[in-house]
């Protein structure tokens, strides 16, 4: 499994999920988002970006929502 941040003008490097990792809210939020994807997105776009996700359980987990409320510029909750 791999993630990448992309826009019309630029994209981040590829971010790979650790082999055998269980993708739950904790792993997704702390490892993929906090340690890898959000810093990579901020490096290429600064503070102006939109993070779009689907409704996968790890994306809508309470830990993920709390992290995104703290760390993203204009968070729109899944229930909106």
Protein backbone atom coordinates (compact mmCIF):
# COMPACT_ATOMS: atom_id res chain seq x y z
CA UNK A 1 0.00 0.00 0.00
CA UNK A 2 1.28 3.45 -0.88
CA UNK A 3 0.18 7.05 -0.36
CA UNK A 4 1.17 10.22 -2.15
CA UNK A 5 0.13 13.86 -1.90
CA UNK A 6 -0.53 15.46 -5.25
CA UNK A 7 -1.79 18.65 -6.77
CA UNK A 8 -1.98 20.27 -10.17
CA UNK A 9 1.61 21.50 -9.85
CA UNK A 10 3.53 19.11 -7.58
CA UNK A 11 3.44 15.81 -5.72
CA UNK A 12 5.15 14.41 -2.65
CA UNK A 13 7.44 11.41 -2.59
CA UNK A 14 5.81 7.98 -2.31
CA UNK A 15 4.96 6.91 1.23
CA UNK A 16 4.84 3.17 1.78
CA UNK A 17 2.94 1.31 4.48
CA UNK A 18 5.14 -0.99 6.54
CA UNK A 19 4.76 -4.60 5.32
CA UNK A 20 2.34 -6.48 7.57
CA UNK A 21 1.12 -3.33 9.32
CA UNK A 22 -2.48 -3.25 10.51
CA UNK A 23 -3.98 -0.03 9.18
CA UNK A 24 -6.07 1.18 12.09
CA UNK A 25 -6.72 4.73 13.28
CA UNK A 26 -3.64 4.78 15.49
CA UNK A 27 -1.20 3.57 12.80
CA UNK A 28 -2.76 5.71 10.08
CA UNK A 29 -2.81 8.86 12.21
CA UNK A 30 0.52 8.61 13.98
CA UNK A 31 2.70 6.85 11.41
CA UNK A 32 1.28 7.69 8.00
CA UNK A 33 -0.25 11.13 8.60
CA UNK A 34 1.72 12.69 11.45
CA UNK A 35 5.18 11.32 10.70
CA UNK A 36 5.10 11.10 6.91
CA UNK A 37 2.23 12.42 4.80
CA UNK A 38 1.39 15.74 6.50
CA UNK A 39 5.06 16.86 6.71
CA UNK A 40 5.57 15.88 3.05
CA UNK A 41 2.47 17.83 1.99
CA UNK A 42 3.50 20.88 4.04
CA UNK A 43 6.98 20.75 2.52
CA UNK A 44 5.64 21.07 -1.03
CA UNK A 45 2.62 23.29 -0.37
CA UNK A 46 3.17 25.21 2.86
CA UNK A 47 0.09 25.71 5.00
CA UNK A 48 -2.39 25.86 2.13
CA UNK A 49 -3.63 22.41 1.18
CA UNK A 50 -6.70 20.21 1.14
CA UNK A 51 -6.44 16.64 2.39
CA UNK A 52 -9.15 14.51 0.85
CA UNK A 53 -9.83 11.00 2.11
CA UNK A 54 -12.46 8.35 1.56
CA UNK A 55 -14.48 6.80 4.36
CA UNK A 56 -12.10 3.93 5.15
CA UNK A 57 -12.30 3.01 8.84
CA UNK A 58 -8.78 4.32 9.55
CA UNK A 59 -9.69 7.66 7.92
CA UNK A 60 -12.77 8.12 10.08
CA UNK A 61 -11.33 6.75 13.34
CA UNK A 62 -11.60 9.02 16.37
CA UNK A 63 -7.79 9.28 16.63
CA UNK A 64 -7.52 10.35 12.99
CA UNK A 65 -10.25 12.97 13.32
CA UNK A 66 -8.65 14.46 16.45
CA UNK A 67 -5.24 14.61 14.75
CA UNK A 68 -6.62 16.28 11.63
CA UNK A 69 -8.56 18.82 13.71
CA UNK A 70 -5.25 19.81 15.36
CA UNK A 71 -2.90 19.61 12.38
CA UNK A 72 -4.73 20.69 9.23
CA UNK A 73 -5.61 24.30 8.35
CA UNK A 74 -9.32 23.87 7.56
CA UNK A 75 -10.61 20.49 8.68
CA UNK A 76 -14.05 19.38 7.50
CA UNK A 77 -15.35 16.54 9.66
CA UNK A 78 -16.70 13.36 8.04
CA UNK A 79 -20.24 14.13 9.20
CA UNK A 80 -20.37 17.44 7.31
